[in-house]
C-alpha atoms as a PDB file:
ATOM      1  CA  MET A   1     -19.234  22.365  16.101  1.00  0.00           C
ATOM      2  CA  LYS A   2     -18.347  19.336  14.628  1.00  0.00           C
ATOM      3  CA  GLU A   3     -15.457  17.443  16.370  1.00  0.00           C
ATOM      4  CA  ARG A   4     -12.079  16.981  14.518  1.00  0.00           C
ATOM      5  CA  ILE A   5     -11.304  13.798  15.800  1.00  0.00           C
ATOM      6  CA  ILE A   6     -13.771  10.892  17.020  1.00  0.00           C
ATOM      7  CA  LEU A   7     -12.126   7.805  19.492  1.00  0.00           C
ATOM      8  CA  THR A   8     -13.594   5.735  21.156  1.00  0.00           C
ATOM      9  CA  GLU A   9     -10.669   4.233  22.874  1.00  0.00           C
ATOM     10  CA  THR A  10      -6.684   5.529  23.377  1.00  0.00           C
ATOM     11  CA  PRO A  11      -4.237   3.251  23.022  1.00  0.00           C
ATOM     12  CA  GLN A  12      -2.058   3.018  26.243  1.00  0.00           C
ATOM     13  CA  ALA A  13       0.762   0.607  25.047  1.00  0.00           C
ATOM     14  CA  LYS A  14       4.406   2.176  25.589  1.00  0.00           C
ATOM     15  CA  GLU A  15       5.142   2.763  21.937  1.00  0.00           C
ATOM     16  CA  VAL A  16       2.376   3.074  19.048  1.00  0.00           C
ATOM     17  CA  ASN A  17       3.267   3.337  15.372  1.00  0.00           C
ATOM     18  CA  MET A  18       0.439   4.220  12.513  1.00  0.00           C
ATOM     19  CA  ILE A  19       0.293   2.289   9.141  1.00  0.00           C
ATOM     20  CA  VAL A  20      -1.496   4.340   6.936  1.00  0.00           C
ATOM     21  CA  GLY A  21      -3.299   4.066   3.298  1.00  0.00           C
ATOM     22  CA  TRP A  22      -5.814   5.906   1.082  1.00  0.00           C
ATOM     23  CA  ARG A  23      -7.983   4.908  -1.172  1.00  0.00           C
ATOM     24  CA  GLN A  24      -6.494   7.730  -4.187  1.00  0.00           C
ATOM     25  CA  TRP A  25      -4.209   8.357  -7.109  1.00  0.00           C
ATOM     26  CA  ALA A  26      -1.468   6.321  -5.916  1.00  0.00           C
ATOM     27  CA  ASP A  27      -3.155   3.010  -5.655  1.00  0.00           C
ATOM     28  CA  ALA A  28      -1.464   0.814  -8.523  1.00  0.00           C
ATOM     29  CA  GLY A  29      -2.029  -2.968  -7.093  1.00  0.00           C
ATOM     30  CA  SER A  30      -4.400  -2.034  -4.828  1.00  0.00           C
ATOM     31  CA  ILE A  31      -1.356  -1.314  -2.217  1.00  0.00           C
ATOM     32  CA  SER A  32      -2.584   1.815  -0.653  1.00  0.00           C
ATOM     33  CA  SER A  33      -6.317   0.924  -0.049  1.00  0.00           C
ATOM     34  CA  SER A  34      -6.438  -2.627   0.603  1.00  0.00           C
ATOM     35  CA  LEU A  35      -3.309  -3.572   1.853  1.00  0.00           C
ATOM     36  CA  PRO A  36      -3.222  -1.830   5.239  1.00  0.00           C
ATOM     37  CA  ARG A  37      -6.625  -3.108   5.781  1.00  0.00           C
ATOM     38  CA  TYR A  38      -4.873  -6.467   5.376  1.00  0.00           C
ATOM     39  CA  ILE A  39      -2.801  -5.984   8.090  1.00  0.00           C
ATOM     40  CA  GLY A  40      -5.214  -4.977   9.930  1.00  0.00           C
ATOM     41  CA  ASP A  41      -7.340  -7.670   9.703  1.00  0.00           C
ATOM     42  CA  GLN A  42      -3.816 -10.133  10.680  1.00  0.00           C
ATOM     43  CA  LEU A  43      -3.661  -8.539  13.462  1.00  0.00           C
ATOM     44  CA  GLY A  44      -7.405  -8.549  14.680  1.00  0.00           C
ATOM     45  CA  ALA A  45      -7.702  -4.560  14.758  1.00  0.00           C
ATOM     46  CA  ARG A  46     -10.426  -3.247  16.463  1.00  0.00           C
ATOM     47  CA  LYS A  47     -12.282   0.170  15.140  1.00  0.00           C
ATOM     48  CA  ILE A  48     -11.191   2.961  17.969  1.00  0.00           C
ATOM     49  CA  GLY A  49     -12.013   6.547  16.239  1.00  0.00           C
ATOM     50  CA  GLU A  50     -12.353   8.390  12.797  1.00  0.00           C
ATOM     51  CA  ILE A  51     -11.640  12.070  11.119  1.00  0.00           C
ATOM     52  CA  PRO A  52     -14.961  12.900  10.190  1.00  0.00           C
ATOM     53  CA  ASP A  53     -15.478  14.607   6.573  1.00  0.00           C
ATOM     54  CA  ASP A  54     -15.080  18.635   7.786  1.00  0.00           C
ATOM     55  CA  GLY A  55     -15.134  19.571   4.004  1.00  0.00           C
ATOM     56  CA  PHE A  56     -12.971  17.379   2.421  1.00  0.00           C
ATOM     57  CA  TYR A  57     -14.252  15.964  -0.221  1.00  0.00           C
ATOM     58  CA  LEU A  58     -16.759  17.337  -3.338  1.00  0.00           C
ATOM     59  CA  PHE A  59     -19.694  15.703  -4.125  1.00  0.00           C
ATOM     60  CA  GLN A  60     -19.848  16.197  -7.915  1.00  0.00           C
ATOM     61  CA  ILE A  61     -18.346  18.136 -10.614  1.00  0.00           C
ATOM     62  CA  PRO A  62     -19.865  19.120 -13.135  1.00  0.00           C
ATOM     63  CA  GLY A  63     -19.654  17.070 -16.664  1.00  0.00           C
ATOM     64  CA  MET A  64     -18.300  14.322 -14.660  1.00  0.00           C
ATOM     65  CA  HIS A  65     -20.963  12.773 -12.960  1.00  0.00           C
ATOM     66  CA  HIS A  66     -20.503   9.598 -11.308  1.00  0.00           C
ATOM     67  CA  LEU A  67     -16.624  10.630 -10.823  1.00  0.00           C
ATOM     68  CA  MET A  68     -17.455  12.238  -7.030  1.00  0.00           C
ATOM     69  CA  ARG A  69     -20.466  10.915  -5.571  1.00  0.00           C
ATOM     70  CA  PRO A  70     -20.918   9.178  -2.600  1.00  0.00           C
ATOM     71  CA  VAL A  71     -22.456   5.809  -3.666  1.00  0.00           C
ATOM     72  CA  ILE A  72     -25.999   4.316  -2.696  1.00  0.00           C
ATOM     73  CA  GLU A  73     -27.364   0.862  -2.769  1.00  0.00           C
ATOM     74  CA  MET A  74     -31.378   0.452  -2.831  1.00  0.00           C
ATOM     75  CA  ASP A  75     -33.223  -2.495  -2.215  1.00  0.00           C
ATOM     76  CA  ASP A  76     -36.792  -2.457  -3.461  1.00  0.00           C
ATOM     77  CA  GLY A  77     -37.383   1.205  -2.969  1.00  0.00           C
ATOM     78  CA  GLN A  78     -35.603   1.519   0.062  1.00  0.00           C
ATOM     79  CA  ARG A  79     -31.622   2.664   1.169  1.00  0.00           C
ATOM     80  CA  LYS A  80     -29.694  -0.458   1.681  1.00  0.00           C
ATOM     81  CA  SER A  81     -26.546   1.511   2.303  1.00  0.00           C
ATOM     82  CA  LEU A  82     -24.278   5.047   1.178  1.00  0.00           C
ATOM     83  CA  GLU A  83     -20.821   4.444   0.980  1.00  0.00           C
ATOM     84  CA  ARG A  84     -19.163   8.214   1.770  1.00  0.00           C
ATOM     85  CA  PRO A  85     -15.782   8.965   1.884  1.00  0.00           C
ATOM     86  CA  MET A  86     -14.283   7.451   5.704  1.00  0.00           C
ATOM     87  CA  ASN A  87     -10.660   8.299   7.484  1.00  0.00           C
ATOM     88  CA  GLU A  88     -11.273   5.552   9.931  1.00  0.00           C
ATOM     89  CA  LEU A  89      -8.499   4.408  12.744  1.00  0.00           C
ATOM     90  CA  TYR A  90      -8.047   0.583  13.889  1.00  0.00           C
ATOM     91  CA  TYR A  91      -5.907  -0.584  16.688  1.00  0.00           C
ATOM     92  CA  ALA A  92      -3.936  -3.707  17.700  1.00  0.00           C
ATOM     93  CA  GLY A  93      -1.380  -4.133  20.596  1.00  0.00           C
ATOM     94  CA  ASP A  94      -0.378  -4.878  24.018  1.00  0.00           C
ATOM     95  CA  GLU A  95       1.023  -2.834  27.226  1.00  0.00           C
ATOM     96  CA  GLU A  96       4.649  -2.745  24.453  1.00  0.00           C
ATOM     97  CA  LYS A  97       3.633  -1.934  20.937  1.00  0.00           C
ATOM     98  CA  GLY A  98       0.751  -0.915  18.513  1.00  0.00           C
ATOM     99  CA  VAL A  99      -0.152  -0.350  15.817  1.00  0.00           C
ATOM    100  CA  ILE A 100      -2.787   1.966  14.129  1.00  0.00           C
ATOM    101  CA  ILE A 101      -4.243   1.482  11.230  1.00  0.00           C
ATOM    102  CA  PHE A 102      -5.521   4.312   9.426  1.00  0.00           C
ATOM    103  CA  ILE A 103      -7.803   4.146   6.408  1.00  0.00           C
ATOM    104  CA  GLY A 104      -9.106   6.817   4.412  1.00  0.00           C
ATOM    105  CA  ASP A 105      -9.861   8.885   1.194  1.00  0.00           C
ATOM    106  CA  GLU A 106      -7.527  11.360  -0.423  1.00  0.00           C
ATOM    107  CA  PRO A 107      -9.102  14.657   0.122  1.00  0.00           C
ATOM    108  CA  HIS A 108     -10.404  16.468  -2.555  1.00  0.00           C
ATOM    109  CA  MET A 109      -9.929  20.237  -0.832  1.00  0.00           C
ATOM    110  CA  ASN A 110      -9.149  21.890   2.322  1.00  0.00           C
ATOM    111  CA  ILE A 111      -6.011  20.073   2.347  1.00  0.00           C
ATOM    112  CA  GLU A 112      -4.422  22.199   4.954  1.00  0.00           C
ATOM    113  CA  ARG A 113      -7.086  21.958   7.516  1.00  0.00           C
ATOM    114  CA  TYR A 114      -7.050  18.011   6.484  1.00  0.00           C
ATOM    115  CA  SER A 115      -2.844  17.722   7.352  1.00  0.00           C
ATOM    116  CA  ASN A 116      -3.325  19.890  10.624  1.00  0.00           C
ATOM    117  CA  THR A 117      -5.677  17.359  11.533  1.00  0.00           C
ATOM    118  CA  PHE A 118      -4.064  14.521  10.538  1.00  0.00           C
ATOM    119  CA  PHE A 119      -0.624  15.578  12.948  1.00  0.00           C
ATOM    120  CA  ASP A 120      -3.268  16.802  15.550  1.00  0.00           C
ATOM    121  CA  LEU A 121      -4.439  12.970  16.170  1.00  0.00           C
ATOM    122  CA  VAL A 122      -0.416  12.292  15.623  1.00  0.00           C
ATOM    123  CA  LYS A 123       0.731  14.140  18.787  1.00  0.00           C
ATOM    124  CA  MET A 124      -3.086  13.021  20.515  1.00  0.00           C
ATOM    125  CA  LEU A 125      -2.177   9.282  20.271  1.00  0.00           C
ATOM    126  CA  ASN A 126       1.510   9.803  20.907  1.00  0.00           C
ATOM    127  CA  ILE A 127       2.384   7.851  17.924  1.00  0.00           C
ATOM    128  CA  LYS A 128       6.396   7.377  17.088  1.00  0.00           C
ATOM    129  CA  ARG A 129       6.178   6.741  13.400  1.00  0.00           C
ATOM    130  CA  VAL A 130       3.825   6.976  10.970  1.00  0.00           C
ATOM    131  CA  GLY A 131       4.553   4.203   7.863  1.00  0.00           C
ATOM    132  CA  VAL A 132       2.275   5.254   4.451  1.00  0.00           C
ATOM    133  CA  LEU A 133       1.775   2.522   1.647  1.00  0.00           C
ATOM    134  CA  ALA A 134       0.905   3.416  -2.078  1.00  0.00           C
ATOM    135  CA  GLY A 135       1.385   1.628  -5.497  1.00  0.00           C
ATOM    136  CA  VAL A 136       3.018   2.805  -8.557  1.00  0.00           C
ATOM    137  CA  TYR A 137       2.598   0.838 -11.868  1.00  0.00           C
ATOM    138  CA  GLY A 138       5.896   0.090 -14.491  1.00  0.00           C
ATOM    139  CA  SER A 139       7.577  -2.221 -16.224  1.00  0.00           C
ATOM    140  CA  MET A 140       9.464  -4.694 -14.114  1.00  0.00           C
ATOM    141  CA  PRO A 141       9.645  -8.395 -14.508  1.00  0.00           C
ATOM    142  CA  TYR A 142       6.230 -10.002 -12.521  1.00  0.00           C
ATOM    143  CA  ASN A 143       8.471 -12.892 -11.353  1.00  0.00           C
ATOM    144  CA  ARG A 144      10.876 -10.792  -9.384  1.00  0.00           C
ATOM    145  CA  ASP A 145      11.275  -9.094  -5.435  1.00  0.00           C
ATOM    146  CA  ARG A 146       8.993  -5.892  -6.084  1.00  0.00           C
ATOM    147  CA  GLU A 147      11.097  -2.173  -6.121  1.00  0.00           C
ATOM    148  CA  ILE A 148       9.989  -0.546  -3.159  1.00  0.00           C
ATOM    149  CA  GLY A 149      10.315   3.403  -3.212  1.00  0.00           C
ATOM    150  CA  CYS A 150      10.981   5.343   0.085  1.00  0.00           C
ATOM    151  CA  MET A 151      10.788   8.640   1.158  1.00  0.00           C
ATOM    152  CA  TYR A 152      11.439   9.713   4.567  1.00  0.00           C
ATOM    153  CA  SER A 153      10.886  12.776   6.940  1.00  0.00           C
ATOM    154  CA  LEU A 154      13.865  13.207   8.732  1.00  0.00           C
ATOM    155  CA  ASP A 155      18.185  13.223   8.473  1.00  0.00           C
ATOM    156  CA  THR A 156      18.175  10.468  11.280  1.00  0.00           C
ATOM    157  CA  MET A 157      15.852   7.834   9.920  1.00  0.00           C
ATOM    158  CA  LYS A 158      18.500   7.604   6.712  1.00  0.00           C
ATOM    159  CA  GLU A 159      20.727   5.048   8.242  1.00  0.00           C
ATOM    160  CA  GLU A 160      18.016   2.939   9.445  1.00  0.00           C
ATOM    161  CA  MET A 161      15.932   3.209   5.508  1.00  0.00           C
ATOM    162  CA  ASP A 162      19.064   2.152   4.127  1.00  0.00           C
ATOM    163  CA  ARG A 163      18.878  -1.853   5.696  1.00  0.00           C
ATOM    164  CA  TYR A 164      15.232  -2.117   3.552  1.00  0.00           C
ATOM    165  CA  SER A 165      16.604  -2.471   0.288  1.00  0.00           C
ATOM    166  CA  VAL A 166      14.457   0.588  -1.513  1.00  0.00           C
ATOM    167  CA  ARG A 167      15.075   3.222  -3.942  1.00  0.00           C
ATOM    168  CA  TYR A 168      15.094   6.621  -2.993  1.00  0.00           C
ATOM    169  CA  SER A 169      12.220   8.924  -4.741  1.00  0.00           C
ATOM    170  CA  ASN A 170      13.452  11.516  -6.608  1.00  0.00           C
ATOM    171  CA  TYR A 171       9.835  11.815  -8.082  1.00  0.00           C
ATOM    172  CA  HIS A 172       9.014  15.816  -9.506  1.00  0.00           C
ATOM    173  CA  GLY A 173       5.459  16.319 -10.080  1.00  0.00           C
ATOM    174  CA  GLY A 174       1.964  16.503  -8.444  1.00  0.00           C
ATOM    175  CA  ALA A 175       1.869  15.559  -4.891  1.00  0.00           C
ATOM    176  CA  SER A 176      -0.407  13.077  -3.430  1.00  0.00           C
ATOM    177  CA  ILE A 177      -1.964  12.757  -0.129  1.00  0.00           C
ATOM    178  CA  GLY A 178       1.320  11.221   1.457  1.00  0.00           C
ATOM    179  CA  THR A 179       3.882  13.399  -0.448  1.00  0.00           C
ATOM    180  CA  TYR A 180       1.898  16.482   0.825  1.00  0.00           C
ATOM    181  CA  LEU A 181       2.099  15.073   4.276  1.00  0.00           C
ATOM    182  CA  LEU A 182       5.589  14.214   3.865  1.00  0.00           C
ATOM    183  CA  ASP A 183       6.144  18.083   3.817  1.00  0.00           C
ATOM    184  CA  GLN A 184       5.186  19.110   7.032  1.00  0.00           C
ATOM    185  CA  ALA A 185       6.129  16.033   9.057  1.00  0.00           C
ATOM    186  CA  THR A 186       9.341  17.249   7.972  1.00  0.00           C
ATOM    187  CA  ARG A 187       8.613  20.645   8.738  1.00  0.00           C
ATOM    188  CA  ASP A 188       7.308  19.719  11.969  1.00  0.00           C
ATOM    189  CA  GLY A 189       9.953  17.008  13.050  1.00  0.00           C
ATOM    190  CA  HIS A 190       7.635  13.813  12.638  1.00  0.00           C
ATOM    191  CA  GLU A 191       9.258  10.469  12.239  1.00  0.00           C
ATOM    192  CA  PHE A 192       7.176  10.094   9.032  1.00  0.00           C
ATOM    193  CA  PHE A 193       8.192   7.715   5.710  1.00  0.00           C
ATOM    194  CA  GLY A 194       6.758   5.952   2.794  1.00  0.00           C
ATOM    195  CA  PHE A 195       6.907   2.777   0.734  1.00  0.00           C
ATOM    196  CA  TYR A 196       5.703   3.201  -2.977  1.00  0.00           C
ATOM    197  CA  GLY A 197       5.120  -0.560  -4.309  1.00  0.00           C
ATOM    198  CA  MET A 198       5.967  -0.765  -8.168  1.00  0.00           C
ATOM    199  CA  SER A 199       3.364  -3.287  -9.629  1.00  0.00           C
ATOM    200  CA  PRO A 200       4.151  -4.577 -13.333  1.00  0.00           C
ATOM    201  CA  ALA A 201       2.501  -3.290 -16.162  1.00  0.00           C
ATOM    202  CA  TYR A 202       3.139  -4.298 -19.835  1.00  0.00           C
ATOM    203  CA  GLU A 203       2.250  -1.926 -22.798  1.00  0.00           C
ATOM    204  CA  PHE A 204       1.457  -3.917 -25.535  1.00  0.00           C
ATOM    205  CA  PRO A 205      -1.597  -4.468 -27.970  1.00  0.00           C
ATOM    206  CA  VAL A 206      -3.719  -6.847 -26.398  1.00  0.00           C
ATOM    207  CA  SER A 207      -6.800  -8.834 -28.102  1.00  0.00           C
ATOM    208  CA  GLY A 208      -7.422 -11.893 -25.732  1.00  0.00           C
ATOM    209  CA  SER A 209      -9.767 -12.390 -23.921  1.00  0.00           C
ATOM    210  CA  GLY A 210      -8.303 -14.839 -21.045  1.00  0.00           C
ATOM    211  CA  GLU A 211      -8.236 -13.113 -17.670  1.00  0.00           C
ATOM    212  CA  ILE A 212      -5.638 -13.442 -14.446  1.00  0.00           C
ATOM    213  CA  GLU A 213      -7.466 -13.162 -11.459  1.00  0.00           C
ATOM    214  CA  GLY A 214      -6.429 -10.343  -9.374  1.00  0.00           C
ATOM    215  CA  ALA A 215      -5.402  -8.674 -12.471  1.00  0.00           C
ATOM    216  CA  ILE A 216      -6.737  -6.682 -15.583  1.00  0.00           C
ATOM    217  CA  ASP A 217      -6.027  -6.954 -19.094  1.00  0.00           C
ATOM    218  CA  MET A 218      -6.117  -3.492 -21.236  1.00  0.00           C
ATOM    219  CA  PRO A 219      -6.046  -2.977 -25.086  1.00  0.00           C
ATOM    220  CA  GLN A 220      -2.572  -1.923 -24.622  1.00  0.00           C
ATOM    221  CA  GLY A 221      -1.583  -4.245 -22.464  1.00  0.00           C
ATOM    222  CA  ILE A 222      -1.200  -6.266 -19.183  1.00  0.00           C
ATOM    223  CA  ARG A 223      -1.804  -4.158 -15.234  1.00  0.00           C
ATOM    224  CA  ILE A 224      -2.316  -6.115 -11.660  1.00  0.00           C
ATOM    225  CA  GLU A 225      -4.886  -4.806 -10.212  1.00  0.00           C
ATOM    226  CA  THR A 226      -4.054  -6.597  -6.138  1.00  0.00           C
ATOM    227  CA  ASP A 227      -0.895  -7.143  -6.666  1.00  0.00           C
ATOM    228  CA  TYR A 228      -0.184  -9.889  -4.048  1.00  0.00           C
ATOM    229  CA  LYS A 229       3.927 -10.189  -4.430  1.00  0.00           C
ATOM    230  CA  ALA A 230       4.199  -6.509  -3.453  1.00  0.00           C
ATOM    231  CA  TRP A 231       1.842  -6.950  -0.644  1.00  0.00           C
ATOM    232  CA  TYR A 232       4.228  -9.659   0.828  1.00  0.00           C
ATOM    233  CA  ASP A 233       7.583  -7.793  -0.017  1.00  0.00           C
ATOM    234  CA  LEU A 234       5.726  -4.271   1.705  1.00  0.00           C
ATOM    235  CA  THR A 235       4.376  -6.470   4.743  1.00  0.00           C
ATOM    236  CA  LEU A 236       7.628  -8.067   5.228  1.00  0.00           C
ATOM    237  CA  ARG A 237       9.434  -5.227   5.755  1.00  0.00           C
ATOM    238  CA  LEU A 238       7.174  -3.236   7.531  1.00  0.00           C
ATOM    239  CA  ASP A 239       6.424  -6.468  10.158  1.00  0.00           C
ATOM    240  CA  HIS A 240      10.464  -6.350  10.301  1.00  0.00           C
ATOM    241  CA  MET A 241      10.438  -2.356  11.223  1.00  0.00           C
ATOM    242  CA  PHE A 242       7.217  -2.837  14.216  1.00  0.00           C
ATOM    243  CA  LYS A 243       7.933  -6.214  15.060  1.00  0.00           C
ATOM    244  CA  MET A 244       4.002  -6.735  14.568  1.00  0.00           C
ATOM    245  CA  GLY A 245       4.244 -10.631  14.256  1.00  0.00           C
ATOM    246  CA  ILE A 246       2.436 -11.280  11.373  1.00  0.00           C
ATOM    247  CA  ASP A 247       2.132 -15.048   9.511  1.00  0.00           C
ATOM    248  CA  LEU A 248       3.356 -14.438   5.820  1.00  0.00           C
ATOM    249  CA  SER A 249       2.330 -17.521   4.628  1.00  0.00           C
ATOM    250  CA  GLU A 250      -1.151 -16.625   3.075  1.00  0.00           C
ATOM    251  CA  LEU A 251       0.719 -13.240   1.056  1.00  0.00           C
ATOM    252  CA  GLU A 252       3.544 -15.785   0.035  1.00  0.00           C
ATOM    253  CA  LYS A 253       1.178 -18.423  -0.933  1.00  0.00           C
ATOM    254  CA  GLU A 254      -1.182 -15.594  -3.164  1.00  0.00           C
ATOM    255  CA  SER A 255       2.615 -13.960  -4.517  1.00  0.00           C
ATOM    256  CA  HIS A 256       3.690 -17.477  -6.273  1.00  0.00           C
ATOM    257  CA  ASP A 257      -0.373 -18.143  -7.271  1.00  0.00           C
ATOM    258  CA  LEU A 258      -0.294 -14.454  -8.818  1.00  0.00           C
ATOM    259  CA  VAL A 259       2.967 -15.326 -10.716  1.00  0.00           C
ATOM    260  CA  ASP A 260       1.987 -18.388 -11.889  1.00  0.00           C
ATOM    261  CA  ALA A 261      -1.546 -16.856 -13.307  1.00  0.00           C
ATOM    262  CA  ILE A 262       0.428 -14.211 -15.310  1.00  0.00           C
ATOM    263  CA  GLU A 263       3.335 -16.881 -16.272  1.00  0.00           C
ATOM    264  CA  SER A 264      -0.045 -18.797 -17.728  1.00  0.00           C
ATOM    265  CA  ARG A 265      -1.931 -15.519 -19.363  1.00  0.00           C
ATOM    266  CA  LEU A 266       1.397 -14.421 -20.960  1.00  0.00           C
ATOM    267  CA  ASP A 267       1.721 -18.131 -22.982  1.00  0.00           C
ATOM    268  CA  ASP A 268      -2.065 -17.723 -23.863  1.00  0.00           C
ATOM    269  CA  LEU A 269      -0.879 -14.206 -25.320  1.00  0.00           C
ATOM    270  CA  GLU A 270       1.900 -15.450 -27.446  1.00  0.00           C
ATOM    271  CA  ARG A 271       0.115 -18.230 -28.680  1.00  0.00           C
ATOM    272  CA  GLU A 272      -2.845 -15.330 -29.763  1.00  0.00           C
ATOM    273  CA  ALA A 273      -0.577 -13.081 -31.056  1.00  0.00           C
ATOM    274  CA  PRO A 274       3.056 -14.430 -32.081  1.00  0.00           C
ATOM    275  CA  GLU A 275       4.073 -11.220 -33.882  1.00  0.00           C
ATOM    276  CA  LEU A 276       4.263  -9.155 -30.825  1.00  0.00           C
ATOM    277  CA  ASP A 277       7.433 -10.988 -29.215  1.00  0.00           C
ATOM    278  CA  ILE A 278       6.558 -10.773 -25.517  1.00  0.00           C
ATOM    279  CA  ARG A 279       9.022 -12.574 -24.387  1.00  0.00           C
ATOM    280  CA  GLY A 280      11.591 -10.712 -25.913  1.00  0.00           C
ATOM    281  CA  TYR A 281       9.530  -7.363 -24.623  1.00  0.00           C
ATOM    282  CA  LEU A 282       9.845  -9.268 -21.387  1.00  0.00           C
ATOM    283  CA  ALA A 283      13.208 -10.407 -21.807  1.00  0.00           C
ATOM    284  CA  ALA A 284      14.616  -6.618 -22.628  1.00  0.00           C
ATOM    285  CA  ILE A 285      12.682  -5.388 -19.097  1.00  0.00           C
ATOM    286  CA  GLU A 286      14.328  -8.211 -17.068  1.00  0.00           C
ATOM    287  CA  ALA A 287      18.070  -7.170 -18.557  1.00  0.00           C
ATOM    288  CA  GLU A 288      17.272  -3.333 -17.496  1.00  0.00           C
ATOM    289  CA  PHE A 289      16.002  -4.699 -13.841  1.00  0.00           C
ATOM    290  CA  THR A 290      18.216  -4.755 -11.262  1.00  0.00           C
ATOM    291  CA  GLU A 291      16.376  -6.471  -7.986  1.00  0.00           C
ATOM    292  CA  ARG A 292      16.759  -5.128  -4.188  1.00  0.00           C
ATOM    293  CA  SER A 293      16.022  -8.021  -2.316  1.00  0.00           C
ATOM    294  CA  PHE A 294      14.826  -7.627   1.681  1.00  0.00           C
ATOM    295  CA  VAL A 295      16.035 -10.554   3.860  1.00  0.00           C
ATOM    296  CA  PRO A 296      15.731  -9.606   7.494  1.00  0.00           C
ATOM    297  CA  LEU A 297      19.075 -10.460   9.390  1.00  0.00           C
ATOM    298  CA  ASP A 298      17.407 -12.184  11.748  1.00  0.00           C
ATOM    299  CA  ASP A 299      15.976 -14.624   9.064  1.00  0.00           C
ATOM    300  CA  ILE A 300      19.202 -15.222   7.623  1.00  0.00           C
ATOM    301  CA  TRP A 301      20.577 -16.534  11.084  1.00  0.00           C
ATOM    302  CA  SER A 302      17.604 -18.541  11.416  1.00  0.00           C
ATOM    303  CA  THR A 303      18.291 -19.884   7.729  1.00  0.00           C
ATOM    304  CA  GLY A 304      21.762 -20.457   8.739  1.00  0.00           C
ATOM    305  CA  LEU A 305      20.990 -22.091  12.048  1.00  0.00           C
ATOM    306  CA  ASP A 306      18.148 -24.687  10.461  1.00  0.00           C
ATOM    307  CA  ASP A 307      21.251 -25.384   7.521  1.00  0.00           C
ATOM    308  CA  LEU A 308      23.843 -26.155  10.700  1.00  0.00           C
ATOM    309  CA  PHE A 309      21.304 -28.547  12.764  1.00  0.00           C
ATOM    310  CA  GLY A 310      18.519 -28.978  10.375  1.00  0.00           C
ATOM    311  CA  GLU A 311      19.603 -33.366  10.734  1.00  0.00           C
ATOM    312  CA  GLU A 312      19.755 -32.661  14.717  1.00  0.00           C
END
């Protein structure tokens, strides 16, 4: 019988939390599929286990020949690699605190079994809190702090979530894997939350050929493929919540570079198609936007002390 959970190491820290992402539908800005792995790399996390495929994934759907199939790479007639769906666990920590990074593929079927296995893992490793990351596209200023949507499982979490400058979700529609697991977490009493970063997407006719590194030009407009600004804003919150001690300087630089690249691309589009009134379009978005910036209290104290005693 296939093991439902395979572990090569069991974390021994007094407090263990988990950050989760999937290759999934709600992955604007590569927030869900790539940001958890980035955080794991910054922490030096090592692989400690996985949830094997237990009938969670389709091989194919007739008429959609490449949508579900695993990707194989051949070299001179021999198999070089096969990319299968995965659900892997990585861990970093010490005797006091530890963080598990869960990186998976959103299941296609047997969702109830997947959900039960996921929370069996949570109980097995005595995980205190689960944080899910996801991304959605929307019209918002590219050069402002990203709007962070929030969902949470327990009433007792509300006061703390208020501190993270979030907008609480009023979504009504098809469930993603994160919102599905939220239901079981609420019923079973697990601390579970989701942060959904909004990544800018603009819809206007575009005929230019220029590109932004980390972004994709579309016939209808621009969307950010890898939104480092959202990564920064989310990691700032997670680092404060879980006290991970991540150096944010690299992400901060990447986010500034991304804003500059978008600014340059918009200048190009304005020259190529002045009739689109791109600046007017963006000004209208700016006028409707309310920025919710997260500045940790300890950062405020640090900045204030620097201002007072910097010269000394």
